[in-house]
Protein backbone atom coordinates (compact mmCIF):
# COMPACT_ATOMS: atom_id res chain seq x y z
CA MET A 1 127.31 72.63 114.80
CA ALA A 2 130.34 70.91 113.24
CA GLU A 3 129.95 67.50 111.65
CA PRO A 4 131.60 64.65 113.55
CA THR A 5 134.88 63.44 112.08
CA ARG A 6 134.29 59.89 113.30
CA LEU A 7 131.29 57.70 112.48
CA GLN A 8 129.83 54.76 114.40
CA VAL A 9 128.95 51.81 112.12
CA GLN A 10 128.23 48.13 112.66
CA ILE A 11 129.60 45.19 110.68
CA CYS A 12 127.53 42.00 110.49
CA TYR A 13 128.52 38.56 109.26
CA ALA A 14 126.84 35.21 109.77
CA ALA A 15 127.84 31.66 108.94
CA PRO A 16 126.51 28.32 110.20
CA GLY A 17 127.00 28.40 113.97
CA LEU A 18 128.47 31.91 113.92
CA GLN A 19 127.09 35.43 114.18
CA VAL A 20 129.39 38.45 114.32
CA LEU A 21 128.20 41.96 115.16
CA LYS A 22 131.04 44.45 115.46
CA ASP A 23 130.62 48.09 116.40
CA VAL A 24 133.35 50.11 114.71
CA GLU A 25 134.33 53.75 114.71
CA VAL A 26 135.64 54.98 111.35
CA GLU A 27 136.74 58.25 109.77
CA GLN A 28 134.16 60.26 107.89
CA GLY A 29 134.42 59.41 104.17
CA CYS A 30 135.43 55.81 104.95
CA THR A 31 134.23 53.17 102.47
CA ILE A 32 132.64 49.81 103.20
CA GLN A 33 135.86 48.01 102.27
CA GLN A 34 138.03 50.26 104.47
CA ALA A 35 135.72 49.74 107.44
CA ILE A 36 135.79 45.95 107.03
CA MET A 37 139.59 45.94 106.68
CA ASP A 38 140.09 48.25 109.68
CA SER A 39 137.70 46.21 111.87
CA GLY A 40 140.02 43.18 111.97
CA LEU A 41 137.15 40.91 110.92
CA LEU A 42 139.08 39.48 107.96
CA ARG A 43 141.87 38.34 110.31
CA GLU A 44 139.35 36.80 112.73
CA GLN A 45 137.29 35.12 109.98
CA PRO A 46 139.68 34.08 107.17
CA ALA A 47 136.78 32.40 105.32
CA ILE A 48 135.51 35.86 104.33
CA ASP A 49 136.73 36.68 100.81
CA LEU A 50 135.63 40.13 99.68
CA THR A 51 136.34 39.18 96.06
CA VAL A 52 133.55 36.58 96.33
CA CYS A 53 131.25 37.82 99.09
CA ARG A 54 128.80 40.59 98.33
CA VAL A 55 128.16 43.40 100.78
CA GLY A 56 125.26 45.66 101.60
CA ILE A 57 123.94 48.28 103.96
CA PHE A 58 120.67 47.46 105.72
CA GLY A 59 119.86 44.70 103.21
CA LYS A 60 120.58 46.68 100.04
CA LEU A 61 123.52 45.52 97.93
CA LYS A 62 126.32 48.09 97.71
CA ALA A 63 129.76 48.33 96.11
CA LEU A 64 132.84 48.05 98.32
CA ASP A 65 133.74 51.67 97.52
CA THR A 66 130.44 53.04 98.89
CA PRO A 67 131.07 55.80 101.46
CA LEU A 68 129.54 55.22 104.87
CA ARG A 69 127.18 57.34 106.92
CA ALA A 70 126.71 57.40 110.68
CA ARG A 71 125.01 54.28 112.09
CA ASP A 72 125.16 52.28 108.83
CA ARG A 73 125.02 48.50 109.27
CA ILE A 74 127.42 46.81 106.86
CA GLU A 75 126.37 43.26 106.02
CA ILE A 76 128.69 40.71 104.47
CA TYR A 77 126.79 38.06 102.51
CA ARG A 78 128.10 34.55 101.92
CA PRO A 79 127.80 33.15 98.38
CA LEU A 80 124.68 31.07 97.82
CA ILE A 81 125.31 27.34 97.55
CA ALA A 82 122.01 26.76 95.72
CA ASP A 83 119.93 28.95 93.45
CA PRO A 84 116.80 29.89 95.45
CA LYS A 85 114.59 29.62 92.35
CA ASP A 86 115.81 26.09 91.62
CA SER A 87 115.30 25.11 95.27
CA ARG A 88 111.72 26.38 95.20
CA ARG A 89 110.99 24.53 91.94
CA ARG A 90 112.28 21.28 93.48
CA ARG A 91 110.09 21.76 96.59
CA VAL A 92 107.00 22.45 94.46
CA ALA A 93 107.70 19.41 92.26
CA HIS A 94 108.22 17.25 95.35
CA LYS A 95 104.88 18.36 96.84
CA ALA A 96 103.11 17.67 93.54
CA GLN A 97 104.38 14.06 93.60
CA ARG A 98 102.77 13.33 96.96
């Protein structure tokens, strides 16, 4: 049985008040960056900057040049506005003051 030349993948992006799930068909050997560019998502959501945003597949960080496999879910992560460790320390300190 011959391997398919096209792959089905999904691209996910979320921001406050926005959730985007895009099903995309790409060529075999396509990278994460190529799939995002070809999807049109960057035109629809100009706030996405791939030089700043990290990406992953199913919750695992990946490089933009990672080749895709069938049914991969590409996730685009927004930069953190606060360090989660610092936030937790502040919450613990606040509880201790009560």
